[in-house]
Protein backbone atom coordinates (compact mmCIF):
# COMPACT_ATOMS: atom_id res chain seq x y z
CA MET A 1 -35.03 -80.34 53.08
CA LYS A 2 -33.79 -77.17 54.77
CA ASN A 3 -37.38 -75.99 55.30
CA MET A 4 -38.22 -79.38 56.85
CA LEU A 5 -35.26 -79.05 59.19
CA LEU A 6 -36.36 -75.58 60.20
CA THR A 7 -39.86 -76.83 60.90
CA ALA A 8 -38.49 -79.71 62.95
CA ALA A 9 -36.33 -77.30 64.93
CA LEU A 10 -39.37 -75.15 65.59
CA CYS A 11 -41.42 -78.12 66.79
CA THR A 12 -38.73 -79.09 69.28
CA GLY A 13 -37.66 -75.59 70.24
CA LEU A 14 -40.84 -73.58 70.62
CA VAL A 15 -41.43 -74.43 74.24
CA ALA A 16 -37.80 -73.88 75.12
CA CYS A 17 -37.86 -70.53 73.36
CA GLU A 18 -41.02 -69.26 74.99
CA GLU A 19 -41.17 -70.98 78.37
CA ALA A 20 -40.07 -68.54 81.08
CA PRO A 21 -38.17 -69.55 84.23
CA LYS A 22 -40.39 -69.56 87.29
CA THR A 23 -38.31 -66.81 88.85
CA GLU A 24 -38.68 -64.47 85.89
CA THR A 25 -40.26 -61.09 86.46
CA ALA A 26 -43.00 -60.63 83.88
CA PRO A 27 -41.73 -58.31 81.15
CA TYR A 28 -43.39 -55.01 80.36
CA GLN A 29 -46.53 -55.43 78.30
CA VAL A 30 -47.02 -53.16 75.29
CA SER A 31 -49.55 -50.53 76.29
CA ASP A 32 -52.15 -48.99 74.02
CA THR A 33 -52.02 -45.87 76.18
CA ALA A 34 -48.25 -45.63 75.72
CA LEU A 35 -48.59 -46.15 71.96
CA SER A 36 -51.18 -43.38 71.81
CA ASP A 37 -48.98 -41.01 73.81
CA HIS A 38 -45.91 -41.65 71.62
CA ILE A 39 -47.88 -41.07 68.43
CA LYS A 40 -49.57 -37.92 69.72
CA THR A 41 -46.15 -36.47 70.56
CA LEU A 42 -44.27 -37.55 67.43
CA ALA A 43 -47.11 -36.47 65.12
CA SER A 44 -47.80 -33.20 66.92
CA ASP A 45 -47.49 -29.88 65.10
CA ALA A 46 -44.53 -29.06 67.36
CA PHE A 47 -42.49 -31.76 65.57
CA GLY A 48 -43.26 -30.10 62.24
CA GLY A 49 -43.59 -33.28 60.19
CA ARG A 50 -40.23 -34.75 61.29
CA ALA A 51 -38.27 -33.90 58.13
CA PRO A 52 -34.52 -34.60 58.19
CA GLY A 53 -32.39 -31.58 58.96
CA THR A 54 -35.15 -29.60 60.66
CA PRO A 55 -35.92 -28.75 64.30
CA GLY A 56 -38.43 -31.59 64.05
CA GLU A 57 -35.56 -34.05 63.56
CA GLU A 58 -33.85 -32.73 66.70
CA LEU A 59 -37.02 -33.23 68.72
CA THR A 60 -37.59 -36.69 67.26
CA VAL A 61 -34.05 -37.97 67.72
CA ASN A 62 -33.99 -36.69 71.30
CA TYR A 63 -37.36 -38.33 72.00
CA ILE A 64 -36.29 -41.74 70.71
CA THR A 65 -32.87 -41.53 72.36
CA THR A 66 -34.43 -40.69 75.71
CA ALA A 67 -36.90 -43.56 75.32
CA PHE A 68 -34.10 -46.03 74.58
CA LYS A 69 -32.03 -44.79 77.51
CA THR A 70 -35.00 -44.93 79.86
CA ALA A 71 -35.79 -48.47 78.73
CA GLY A 72 -32.24 -49.52 79.57
CA LEU A 73 -30.85 -50.08 76.08
CA LYS A 74 -27.15 -49.54 75.52
CA PRO A 75 -25.91 -47.16 72.83
CA ALA A 76 -25.27 -49.16 69.65
CA ASN A 77 -22.65 -46.88 68.10
CA GLY A 78 -19.83 -46.93 70.62
CA ASP A 79 -20.97 -44.58 73.36
CA SER A 80 -23.61 -42.95 71.16
CA TYR A 81 -27.21 -43.80 70.34
CA VAL A 82 -27.00 -42.03 66.98
CA GLN A 83 -25.38 -42.79 63.65
CA SER A 84 -24.71 -39.74 61.51
CA VAL A 85 -26.11 -39.96 57.98
CA PRO A 86 -24.64 -37.40 55.53
CA LEU A 87 -27.37 -36.10 53.25
CA VAL A 88 -27.66 -33.41 50.64
CA SER A 89 -30.90 -31.47 50.29
CA ILE A 90 -31.66 -30.31 46.75
CA GLN A 91 -34.68 -28.06 46.26
CA VAL A 92 -35.92 -27.01 42.85
CA LYS A 93 -36.50 -23.27 42.68
CA GLY A 94 -39.68 -21.93 41.16
CA ALA A 95 -41.79 -23.92 38.74
CA PRO A 96 -39.65 -25.20 35.84
CA SER A 97 -41.49 -25.85 32.60
CA LEU A 98 -40.85 -28.65 30.14
CA THR A 99 -40.92 -27.63 26.49
CA ILE A 100 -41.56 -30.22 23.77
CA ALA A 101 -40.56 -29.10 20.28
CA GLY A 102 -40.56 -30.63 16.83
CA GLY A 103 -44.27 -31.13 16.34
CA LYS A 104 -46.71 -28.84 14.59
CA THR A 105 -47.15 -26.93 17.83
CA ALA A 106 -44.76 -26.74 20.79
CA LEU A 107 -46.01 -28.20 24.05
CA ASN A 108 -45.28 -26.26 27.23
CA LEU A 109 -45.90 -28.66 30.10
CA ALA A 110 -46.46 -26.87 33.40
CA PHE A 111 -44.90 -27.82 36.72
CA LYS A 112 -47.25 -29.79 39.00
CA THR A 113 -50.15 -29.57 36.53
CA ASP A 114 -48.48 -31.63 33.79
CA GLN A 115 -45.12 -32.72 35.18
CA ILE A 116 -42.83 -32.81 38.17
CA LEU A 117 -39.11 -32.35 37.48
CA TRP A 118 -36.08 -32.51 39.75
CA THR A 119 -32.42 -33.41 39.75
CA ARG A 120 -30.30 -35.41 42.17
CA LYS A 121 -27.08 -33.89 40.89
CA GLU A 122 -25.38 -31.64 43.38
CA THR A 123 -25.30 -28.60 41.13
CA SER A 124 -26.78 -25.10 41.12
CA SER A 125 -28.51 -25.82 37.82
CA ALA A 126 -29.32 -28.79 35.61
CA ALA A 127 -30.80 -28.95 32.16
CA ILE A 128 -31.72 -30.90 29.10
CA ALA A 129 -31.58 -28.93 25.86
CA ASP A 130 -33.17 -30.16 22.64
CA SER A 131 -32.83 -33.71 24.00
CA GLU A 132 -34.35 -36.33 21.72
CA LEU A 133 -37.34 -38.05 23.32
CA VAL A 134 -37.49 -41.85 23.14
CA PHE A 135 -40.24 -44.18 24.33
CA VAL A 136 -38.51 -47.18 25.94
CA GLY A 137 -41.56 -49.09 27.13
CA TYR A 138 -41.02 -50.20 30.73
CA GLY A 139 -37.33 -49.20 30.67
CA ILE A 140 -36.23 -52.66 31.85
CA ASN A 141 -32.93 -54.41 31.21
CA ALA A 142 -33.23 -57.88 32.76
CA PRO A 143 -30.82 -60.35 31.13
CA GLU A 144 -31.99 -63.20 33.37
CA ARG A 145 -35.48 -62.78 31.90
CA GLY A 146 -34.34 -62.28 28.32
CA TRP A 147 -35.70 -58.73 28.41
CA ASN A 148 -33.97 -55.50 27.31
CA ASP A 149 -36.05 -52.46 26.39
CA TYR A 150 -32.84 -50.61 25.48
CA GLU A 151 -31.63 -53.18 22.97
CA GLY A 152 -30.77 -51.71 19.59
CA ILE A 153 -30.94 -48.06 20.60
CA ASP A 154 -28.38 -45.61 21.92
CA VAL A 155 -30.00 -43.22 24.40
CA LYS A 156 -26.86 -41.32 25.39
CA GLY A 157 -27.79 -37.69 25.86
CA LYS A 158 -31.46 -38.43 25.15
CA THR A 159 -34.53 -38.31 27.38
CA VAL A 160 -36.42 -41.55 27.84
CA VAL A 161 -40.15 -41.83 28.54
CA ILE A 162 -41.07 -44.89 30.61
CA LEU A 163 -44.18 -46.77 31.65
CA VAL A 164 -44.64 -47.28 35.38
CA ASN A 165 -44.71 -50.75 37.01
CA ASP A 166 -43.81 -53.81 34.91
CA PRO A 167 -45.34 -56.00 32.15
CA GLY A 168 -46.47 -58.66 34.62
CA TYR A 169 -48.86 -56.26 36.31
CA ALA A 170 -50.18 -54.93 33.01
CA THR A 171 -50.96 -58.43 31.69
CA GLN A 172 -51.73 -60.21 34.98
CA ASP A 173 -49.77 -63.09 33.44
CA ASP A 174 -47.98 -65.06 36.18
CA ALA A 175 -45.47 -66.28 33.59
CA LEU A 176 -44.39 -62.69 32.83
CA PHE A 177 -42.12 -61.23 35.49
CA ASN A 178 -44.11 -61.94 38.70
CA GLY A 179 -47.55 -61.41 37.27
CA ASN A 180 -49.67 -59.15 39.46
CA SER A 181 -46.85 -58.87 42.03
CA MET A 182 -44.57 -56.00 41.18
CA THR A 183 -40.86 -56.73 40.83
CA TYR A 184 -38.11 -54.23 41.54
CA TYR A 185 -38.06 -53.58 37.79
CA GLY A 186 -41.42 -51.88 38.24
CA ARG A 187 -40.21 -49.33 40.77
CA TRP A 188 -39.48 -45.77 39.67
CA THR A 189 -36.15 -45.94 41.50
CA TYR A 190 -34.99 -48.79 39.26
CA LYS A 191 -36.18 -47.00 36.12
CA PHE A 192 -34.12 -43.90 36.86
CA GLU A 193 -31.10 -46.01 37.83
CA GLU A 194 -31.24 -48.01 34.60
CA ALA A 195 -31.74 -44.93 32.44
CA ALA A 196 -28.62 -43.42 33.99
CA ARG A 197 -26.67 -46.64 33.38
CA GLN A 198 -27.74 -46.43 29.73
CA GLY A 199 -26.32 -42.90 29.49
CA ALA A 200 -29.60 -41.01 29.16
CA ALA A 201 -29.65 -37.32 30.06
CA GLY A 202 -33.19 -37.40 31.36
CA ALA A 203 -35.98 -39.82 32.25
CA LEU A 204 -39.71 -39.23 32.60
CA VAL A 205 -41.99 -41.85 34.16
CA ILE A 206 -45.62 -41.86 33.04
CA HIS A 207 -47.94 -41.64 36.03
CA GLU A 208 -51.06 -43.78 36.15
CA THR A 209 -52.77 -44.15 39.50
CA LYS A 210 -53.39 -47.90 39.57
CA PRO A 211 -50.00 -49.20 38.39
CA ALA A 212 -48.18 -46.49 40.36
CA ALA A 213 -50.27 -47.35 43.46
CA TYR A 214 -50.88 -43.71 44.38
CA PRO A 215 -52.60 -40.64 42.91
CA TRP A 216 -50.89 -37.66 41.27
CA THR A 217 -51.24 -35.70 44.53
CA THR A 218 -48.74 -38.11 46.09
CA VAL A 219 -46.26 -37.31 43.32
CA GLU A 220 -46.79 -33.59 43.93
CA ASN A 221 -46.31 -33.90 47.68
CA SER A 222 -43.39 -36.34 47.62
CA TRP A 223 -41.22 -34.89 44.84
CA THR A 224 -41.46 -31.17 45.47
CA GLY A 225 -39.79 -29.09 48.15
CA PRO A 226 -36.41 -30.17 49.57
CA LEU A 227 -35.47 -33.64 48.27
CA PHE A 228 -32.76 -35.53 50.08
CA ASP A 229 -30.16 -37.96 48.85
CA ILE A 230 -27.04 -39.55 50.26
CA ALA A 231 -24.17 -37.08 49.87
CA ARG A 232 -21.87 -38.50 47.18
CA ALA A 233 -18.17 -37.80 46.74
CA ASP A 234 -18.70 -37.30 42.98
CA LYS A 235 -21.72 -35.04 43.60
CA GLY A 236 -23.91 -37.30 41.48
CA ALA A 237 -21.82 -37.11 38.30
CA ASN A 238 -23.23 -40.42 37.03
CA LEU A 239 -26.86 -39.58 37.74
CA LEU A 240 -29.43 -38.25 35.29
CA ASP A 241 -29.50 -34.52 34.65
CA ILE A 242 -33.28 -34.45 34.87
CA GLU A 243 -35.68 -36.93 36.50
CA GLY A 244 -39.41 -36.59 36.64
CA TRP A 245 -43.00 -37.70 36.19
CA LEU A 246 -45.59 -36.92 33.52
CA THR A 247 -49.33 -36.95 34.11
CA THR A 248 -51.27 -39.34 31.93
CA GLU A 249 -52.96 -36.36 30.27
CA ALA A 250 -49.64 -34.74 29.41
CA THR A 251 -48.43 -38.09 28.11
CA SER A 252 -51.41 -38.37 25.79
CA ALA A 253 -50.66 -34.88 24.46
CA LEU A 254 -47.04 -35.91 23.91
CA PHE A 255 -47.95 -39.00 21.88
CA LYS A 256 -50.48 -36.99 19.87
CA ALA A 257 -47.88 -34.33 19.06
CA ALA A 258 -45.58 -37.09 17.81
CA GLY A 259 -48.31 -38.72 15.75
CA LEU A 260 -47.88 -41.96 17.71
CA ASP A 261 -50.55 -44.35 18.95
CA ARG A 262 -50.09 -44.47 22.72
CA ALA A 263 -52.34 -47.48 23.27
CA ALA A 264 -50.67 -49.51 20.53
CA LEU A 265 -47.16 -48.77 21.72
CA SER A 266 -48.08 -49.49 25.34
CA LYS A 267 -49.41 -52.86 24.20
CA ALA A 268 -46.26 -53.53 22.16
CA ALA A 269 -44.17 -52.80 25.26
CA LEU A 270 -45.64 -55.91 26.91
CA SER A 271 -43.45 -58.11 24.73
CA ALA A 272 -39.76 -58.89 25.11
CA ASP A 273 -39.51 -58.18 21.36
CA PHE A 274 -40.44 -54.52 21.89
CA LYS A 275 -38.15 -52.00 20.22
CA ALA A 276 -37.78 -48.47 21.55
CA VAL A 277 -39.39 -45.75 19.43
CA SER A 278 -38.25 -42.17 18.94
CA PHE A 279 -40.91 -39.48 19.26
CA ASN A 280 -39.02 -37.36 16.73
CA LEU A 281 -39.52 -34.59 19.26
CA THR A 282 -37.10 -32.85 21.61
CA ALA A 283 -37.39 -31.88 25.26
CA SER A 284 -35.87 -28.87 26.97
CA ALA A 285 -35.97 -27.91 30.62
CA MET A 286 -33.84 -25.85 32.98
CA ILE A 287 -33.79 -26.42 36.73
CA GLU A 288 -32.20 -24.12 39.26
CA THR A 289 -31.59 -25.55 42.70
CA GLU A 290 -30.89 -24.62 46.26
CA ILE A 291 -28.40 -27.01 47.85
CA GLN A 292 -27.88 -27.65 51.52
CA HIS A 293 -25.80 -30.30 53.24
CA VAL A 294 -27.50 -31.91 56.18
CA THR A 295 -26.27 -34.45 58.68
CA SER A 296 -29.27 -36.50 59.70
CA ARG A 297 -29.26 -39.37 62.18
CA ASN A 298 -30.34 -42.93 62.65
CA VAL A 299 -31.04 -43.83 66.29
CA ALA A 300 -29.91 -47.23 67.56
CA GLY A 301 -30.09 -48.96 70.94
CA LEU A 302 -28.82 -52.42 71.83
CA ILE A 303 -29.65 -55.21 74.26
CA GLU A 304 -26.68 -57.56 74.48
CA GLY A 305 -27.26 -61.29 74.27
CA SER A 306 -26.32 -63.60 77.12
CA THR A 307 -25.16 -66.58 75.05
CA ASN A 308 -24.36 -65.28 71.55
CA PRO A 309 -23.86 -61.54 71.93
CA ASP A 310 -22.15 -61.35 68.52
CA GLU A 311 -25.32 -62.52 66.72
CA TYR A 312 -28.04 -59.94 66.17
CA PHE A 313 -31.75 -59.57 65.45
CA ILE A 314 -33.05 -56.18 64.30
CA TYR A 315 -36.33 -54.41 64.93
CA MET A 316 -36.57 -51.30 62.77
CA ALA A 317 -38.87 -48.44 61.79
CA HIS A 318 -38.37 -45.08 60.10
CA TRP A 319 -38.93 -41.98 62.21
CA ASP A 320 -39.07 -39.34 59.44
CA HIS A 321 -41.88 -37.85 57.39
CA LEU A 322 -42.25 -35.02 54.85
CA GLY A 323 -41.93 -31.96 57.07
CA THR A 324 -43.81 -28.70 56.48
CA ASP A 325 -44.70 -27.02 53.20
CA PRO A 326 -44.88 -23.25 53.78
CA THR A 327 -46.46 -22.67 50.35
CA ILE A 328 -49.69 -24.42 51.35
CA ASP A 329 -52.47 -22.13 52.54
CA GLY A 330 -53.64 -23.36 55.92
CA ASP A 331 -52.25 -26.59 57.37
CA GLY A 332 -48.99 -27.39 55.61
CA ILE A 333 -47.63 -29.79 58.24
CA TYR A 334 -47.22 -33.39 57.09
CA ASN A 335 -47.61 -34.85 60.58
CA GLY A 336 -47.14 -38.46 59.45
CA ALA A 337 -49.13 -39.95 62.32
CA HIS A 338 -49.79 -43.32 60.72
CA ASP A 339 -46.71 -43.11 58.47
CA ASN A 340 -44.69 -43.64 60.56
CA ALA A 341 -45.18 -42.30 64.05
CA THR A 342 -47.03 -45.56 64.68
CA GLY A 343 -44.07 -47.76 63.70
CA THR A 344 -41.69 -45.61 65.74
CA ALA A 345 -44.00 -45.90 68.75
CA GLY A 346 -44.11 -49.67 68.27
CA LEU A 347 -40.31 -49.80 68.13
CA ILE A 348 -40.05 -47.96 71.44
CA GLU A 349 -42.63 -50.20 73.08
CA LEU A 350 -40.90 -53.39 71.90
CA ALA A 351 -37.59 -52.04 73.20
CA LYS A 352 -39.19 -51.51 76.61
CA GLN A 353 -40.58 -55.04 76.60
CA PHE A 354 -37.33 -56.77 75.65
CA ALA A 355 -35.30 -54.67 78.09
CA SER A 356 -37.60 -55.47 81.02
CA GLY A 357 -37.54 -59.28 80.69
CA ASP A 358 -34.86 -61.95 80.89
CA GLN A 359 -31.71 -61.16 78.95
CA PRO A 360 -32.09 -62.57 75.42
CA LYS A 361 -29.63 -65.19 74.19
CA ARG A 362 -28.77 -63.21 71.06
CA SER A 363 -28.35 -59.45 70.91
CA VAL A 364 -31.28 -57.31 69.81
CA LEU A 365 -30.77 -54.05 67.91
CA PHE A 366 -33.54 -51.44 67.83
CA LEU A 367 -33.01 -49.16 64.86
CA ALA A 368 -34.97 -46.00 63.98
CA VAL A 369 -33.84 -44.79 60.58
CA THR A 370 -34.04 -41.44 58.84
CA ALA A 371 -35.04 -40.31 55.34
CA GLU A 372 -37.19 -43.29 54.36
CA GLU A 373 -39.57 -40.94 52.62
CA GLN A 374 -36.71 -39.66 50.47
CA GLY A 375 -35.83 -43.09 49.08
CA LEU A 376 -34.87 -45.35 52.02
CA LEU A 377 -31.73 -43.28 52.58
CA GLY A 378 -31.21 -43.90 56.30
CA SER A 379 -31.54 -47.66 55.93
CA ALA A 380 -29.37 -47.63 52.80
CA TYR A 381 -26.67 -45.79 54.71
CA TYR A 382 -26.96 -48.23 57.61
CA ALA A 383 -26.75 -51.22 55.26
CA ALA A 384 -23.56 -49.78 53.74
CA ASN A 385 -22.18 -48.81 57.16
CA PRO A 386 -23.72 -51.31 59.61
CA LEU A 387 -23.24 -50.89 63.35
CA VAL A 388 -23.24 -54.69 63.68
CA PRO A 389 -21.95 -57.05 60.95
CA LEU A 390 -24.56 -58.01 58.36
CA VAL A 391 -23.13 -61.52 58.19
CA GLN A 392 -23.87 -61.85 61.92
CA THR A 393 -27.35 -60.32 61.61
CA VAL A 394 -29.68 -63.31 61.82
CA GLY A 395 -32.75 -61.46 60.58
CA GLY A 396 -35.15 -58.68 61.44
CA ILE A 397 -38.63 -57.17 61.40
CA ASN A 398 -39.54 -53.82 59.89
CA MET A 399 -42.57 -51.83 61.04
CA ASP A 400 -44.03 -49.19 58.75
CA GLY A 401 -47.60 -48.36 59.75
CA LEU A 402 -49.44 -50.19 62.55
CA ASN A 403 -53.02 -51.46 62.80
CA LEU A 404 -55.32 -48.67 64.01
CA TYR A 405 -58.72 -50.34 63.59
CA GLY A 406 -58.72 -53.34 65.93
CA PRO A 407 -57.75 -57.04 66.06
CA THR A 408 -57.81 -59.22 62.95
CA ASN A 409 -57.90 -62.93 62.19
CA ASP A 410 -55.01 -62.56 59.75
CA VAL A 411 -51.55 -61.03 59.44
CA THR A 412 -50.40 -59.55 56.15
CA VAL A 413 -46.85 -60.39 55.09
CA VAL A 414 -45.48 -58.18 52.35
CA GLY A 415 -43.25 -60.49 50.34
CA HIS A 416 -44.98 -63.57 51.73
CA GLY A 417 -43.04 -66.72 50.91
CA ASN A 418 -39.68 -65.01 50.51
CA SER A 419 -37.97 -66.31 53.63
CA GLU A 420 -38.05 -68.93 56.37
CA LEU A 421 -38.95 -66.16 58.80
CA ASP A 422 -42.49 -66.65 57.49
CA ASP A 423 -42.48 -70.11 59.06
CA LEU A 424 -41.58 -68.62 62.43
CA LEU A 425 -44.25 -65.95 62.12
CA THR A 426 -46.76 -68.68 61.25
CA GLU A 427 -45.89 -70.59 64.44
CA ALA A 428 -46.17 -67.46 66.57
CA ALA A 429 -49.49 -66.49 64.96
CA LYS A 430 -51.02 -69.83 65.95
CA SER A 431 -50.94 -68.75 69.58
CA GLN A 432 -53.25 -65.88 68.60
CA ASN A 433 -55.42 -68.11 66.39
CA ARG A 434 -54.35 -66.09 63.38
CA VAL A 435 -53.15 -66.96 59.89
CA LEU A 436 -50.68 -65.39 57.48
CA VAL A 437 -51.84 -63.94 54.18
CA GLY A 438 -49.91 -62.43 51.31
CA ASP A 439 -49.72 -58.77 50.42
CA HIS A 440 -53.21 -57.41 49.80
CA SER A 441 -51.92 -55.36 46.83
CA PRO A 442 -48.81 -57.10 45.49
CA GLU A 443 -48.99 -55.02 42.32
CA LYS A 444 -47.96 -51.96 44.34
CA GLY A 445 -44.51 -53.33 45.11
CA TYR A 446 -44.59 -52.51 48.80
CA PHE A 447 -41.76 -54.98 49.47
CA TYR A 448 -39.40 -52.60 47.67
CA ARG A 449 -40.76 -49.45 49.31
CA SER A 450 -39.71 -49.70 52.94
CA ASP A 451 -36.48 -49.95 54.87
CA HIS A 452 -36.16 -53.72 55.20
CA PHE A 453 -35.40 -53.81 51.46
CA GLU A 454 -32.00 -52.16 51.90
CA LEU A 455 -30.94 -54.95 54.27
CA SER A 456 -32.68 -57.63 52.21
CA LYS A 457 -30.80 -56.83 49.03
CA LEU A 458 -27.54 -57.24 50.95
CA GLY A 459 -28.61 -60.70 52.12
CA VAL A 460 -30.17 -60.23 55.56
CA PRO A 461 -33.54 -62.07 55.86
CA MET A 462 -36.15 -59.49 56.81
CA LEU A 463 -39.85 -59.68 57.60
CA TYR A 464 -42.19 -56.87 56.62
CA PRO A 465 -45.53 -57.68 58.31
CA ASN A 466 -48.51 -55.37 57.90
CA PRO A 467 -51.91 -55.21 59.58
CA GLY A 468 -54.43 -57.86 58.62
CA TYR A 469 -57.65 -57.21 56.72
CA ASP A 470 -60.11 -59.65 58.30
CA HIS A 471 -61.41 -57.75 61.33
CA LYS A 472 -62.47 -60.16 64.06
CA GLU A 473 -65.84 -58.48 64.54
CA LYS A 474 -66.51 -56.27 61.53
CA GLY A 475 -65.07 -58.33 58.69
CA ARG A 476 -62.94 -57.62 55.65
CA ALA A 477 -65.08 -54.96 53.97
CA TYR A 478 -64.73 -52.73 57.04
CA VAL A 479 -60.93 -52.76 56.87
CA GLU A 480 -60.77 -52.46 53.08
CA LYS A 481 -62.86 -49.30 53.27
CA ILE A 482 -60.53 -47.77 55.87
CA ALA A 483 -57.41 -48.71 53.90
CA ALA A 484 -58.80 -47.34 50.63
CA TYR A 485 -59.78 -44.07 52.28
CA TYR A 486 -56.32 -43.66 53.79
CA ILE A 487 -54.50 -44.17 50.47
CA ALA A 488 -56.87 -41.86 48.61
CA ASN A 489 -57.02 -39.06 51.18
CA ASP A 490 -54.36 -39.20 53.90
CA TYR A 491 -51.27 -40.96 52.53
CA HIS A 492 -48.47 -38.36 52.25
CA THR A 493 -50.85 -35.47 52.89
CA PRO A 494 -51.20 -33.06 55.85
CA SER A 495 -54.33 -34.94 56.92
CA ASP A 496 -52.31 -37.92 58.22
CA GLU A 497 -52.85 -36.72 61.78
CA PHE A 498 -53.48 -38.38 65.13
CA ASP A 499 -57.08 -39.48 65.58
CA PRO A 500 -58.34 -39.99 69.16
CA ASN A 501 -60.84 -42.53 67.80
CA TRP A 502 -58.14 -44.97 66.69
CA ASP A 503 -58.42 -48.46 68.16
CA PHE A 504 -54.97 -49.62 69.31
CA THR A 505 -55.95 -53.14 70.37
CA GLY A 506 -54.94 -54.54 66.98
CA ALA A 507 -51.59 -52.73 67.12
CA VAL A 508 -50.89 -54.18 70.56
CA GLU A 509 -51.76 -57.68 69.35
CA ASP A 510 -49.50 -57.28 66.31
CA LEU A 511 -46.57 -56.00 68.37
CA GLN A 512 -46.88 -58.96 70.74
CA LEU A 513 -46.79 -61.19 67.67
CA TYR A 514 -43.63 -59.47 66.39
CA ALA A 515 -42.03 -59.90 69.82
CA LYS A 516 -42.93 -63.61 69.96
CA THR A 517 -41.62 -64.17 66.42
CA GLY A 518 -38.38 -62.41 67.21
CA ARG A 519 -37.85 -64.49 70.34
CA LEU A 520 -38.13 -67.69 68.29
CA VAL A 521 -34.96 -66.53 66.55
CA ILE A 522 -33.29 -64.60 69.34
CA ASN A 523 -33.49 -67.40 71.92
CA SER A 524 -32.51 -70.18 69.52
CA SER A 525 -29.64 -71.25 67.29
CA LEU A 526 -31.73 -70.99 64.09
CA TRP A 527 -30.37 -69.14 61.05
CA PRO A 528 -33.45 -68.57 58.86
CA ASN A 529 -32.59 -68.07 55.19
CA TRP A 530 -34.25 -66.77 52.06
CA LYS A 531 -36.19 -69.41 50.19
CA ASP A 532 -35.07 -70.91 46.90
CA GLY A 533 -35.89 -68.76 43.91
CA THR A 534 -35.74 -65.40 45.69
CA GLU A 535 -33.31 -62.79 44.41
CA PHE A 536 -31.57 -62.56 47.80
CA LYS A 537 -30.74 -66.20 48.61
CA THR A 538 -27.50 -66.45 46.62
CA ILE A 539 -26.29 -63.23 48.24
CA ARG A 540 -26.97 -64.61 51.72
CA ASP A 541 -25.47 -68.01 50.98
CA THR A 542 -22.29 -66.39 49.67
CA GLN A 543 -22.21 -64.01 52.61
CA ARG A 544 -22.53 -66.76 55.21
CA ALA A 545 -20.10 -69.09 53.40
CA GLY A 546 -17.38 -66.45 53.56
CA LYS A 547 -17.82 -65.43 57.18
């Protein structure tokens, strides 16, 4: 019934929301030239890959702040456009090895070639010593699904080895977890969190390209060098001593050394009846670290509403990328042009458009967050320390990578069907003769891999639209080829650079769609909610009931 009421409200309110007074000055139109100029600047070598705590952050924060000021946005944090985000940078020194003992022959797994190890504990050194290795399947403890891979085994002080993704993806069974669509239980972040809750000393996730959704090179590039985390008062006392990834080849060698059948145990792990299995081997590793405290910054500008200024809609994007790796011969700058100079450019352009038109009825917050690439840290900090109350935040749209290949007949919605914001996006898309489609690769769990998730899990309905795949002139195969090439070659590599041949017409069309969708909320009294069955609806209902 609630969905029917929302639809009815849309049918009666669309014209009122979108019809401009005759005296209105036409608002600024998003410009492909302006988008190109923003991206060229933000992704230039001078910005050094925009890593938190570097000169590139200073340049980036100043650029966005100036853009917000010039557009006419008010500072969202008192008299400041920035929100300080306390981070700790932990960099592993050297190339720590992982020694596996107890078999006929010891295995010495090499850093980068066989494994990547790190620690999030704020300590000069971390180690596991003769730690019993245990295969815990997918490492999932989900009482609501009757699933506990840790049942019947005590892993305190031990090191667990975990399959990536979740059983639904592996079986493609819609009745198991969410089938092909990854759940949060499939994310590496969850697996480390759960292992720590179980008291393990270490956790190693088995890398496989398809279920992980990225090649081993992405693991190398993303989990080496300075790794950031939110600075904790307890310095990470409850975190794992050692976290890491194993290559599939190293994993096979591990199972062979233990005399275990990897394929059979991986198959057994697809059942809720699976029981964890000891390798009867031990793992040892020593990590030395270099620790640095960094205060990074989110950037936030506000347009106050005329009618309900204490109700807020958020547009957000992350400004950071991976910085510069001085150990790489040649070009070691991770410019992050597509990821996410494009989203940051779109955020600036939408801010200019909203600020130049009639004053919106609700307030609009434009939020550029830091440290997304390090685990959604800037958005997590904002969600825990919001500049505007979450209970009064009506919803939002997150932008992480814009369309660079031209207009499409469709719009991808990551997490399609999760919230009533989809209904609003559908209505707005009709004016462009476009349709909504679900995530092209739901098995990759993209809904849990960008900044909207940190607000979503605290109840705020968030949209995460992505570019469509059905190119209006060149068809689907054309776009699929471009997307596949990007993931295989440019994602989280130094080659993600500005390309003068990019076609921004699709990005402009998408940004106009995001603006129109936002206005359907901003200039109305609607309170879109999560849909029944989603993991966030109860949180939102409780939140709004207690306001």
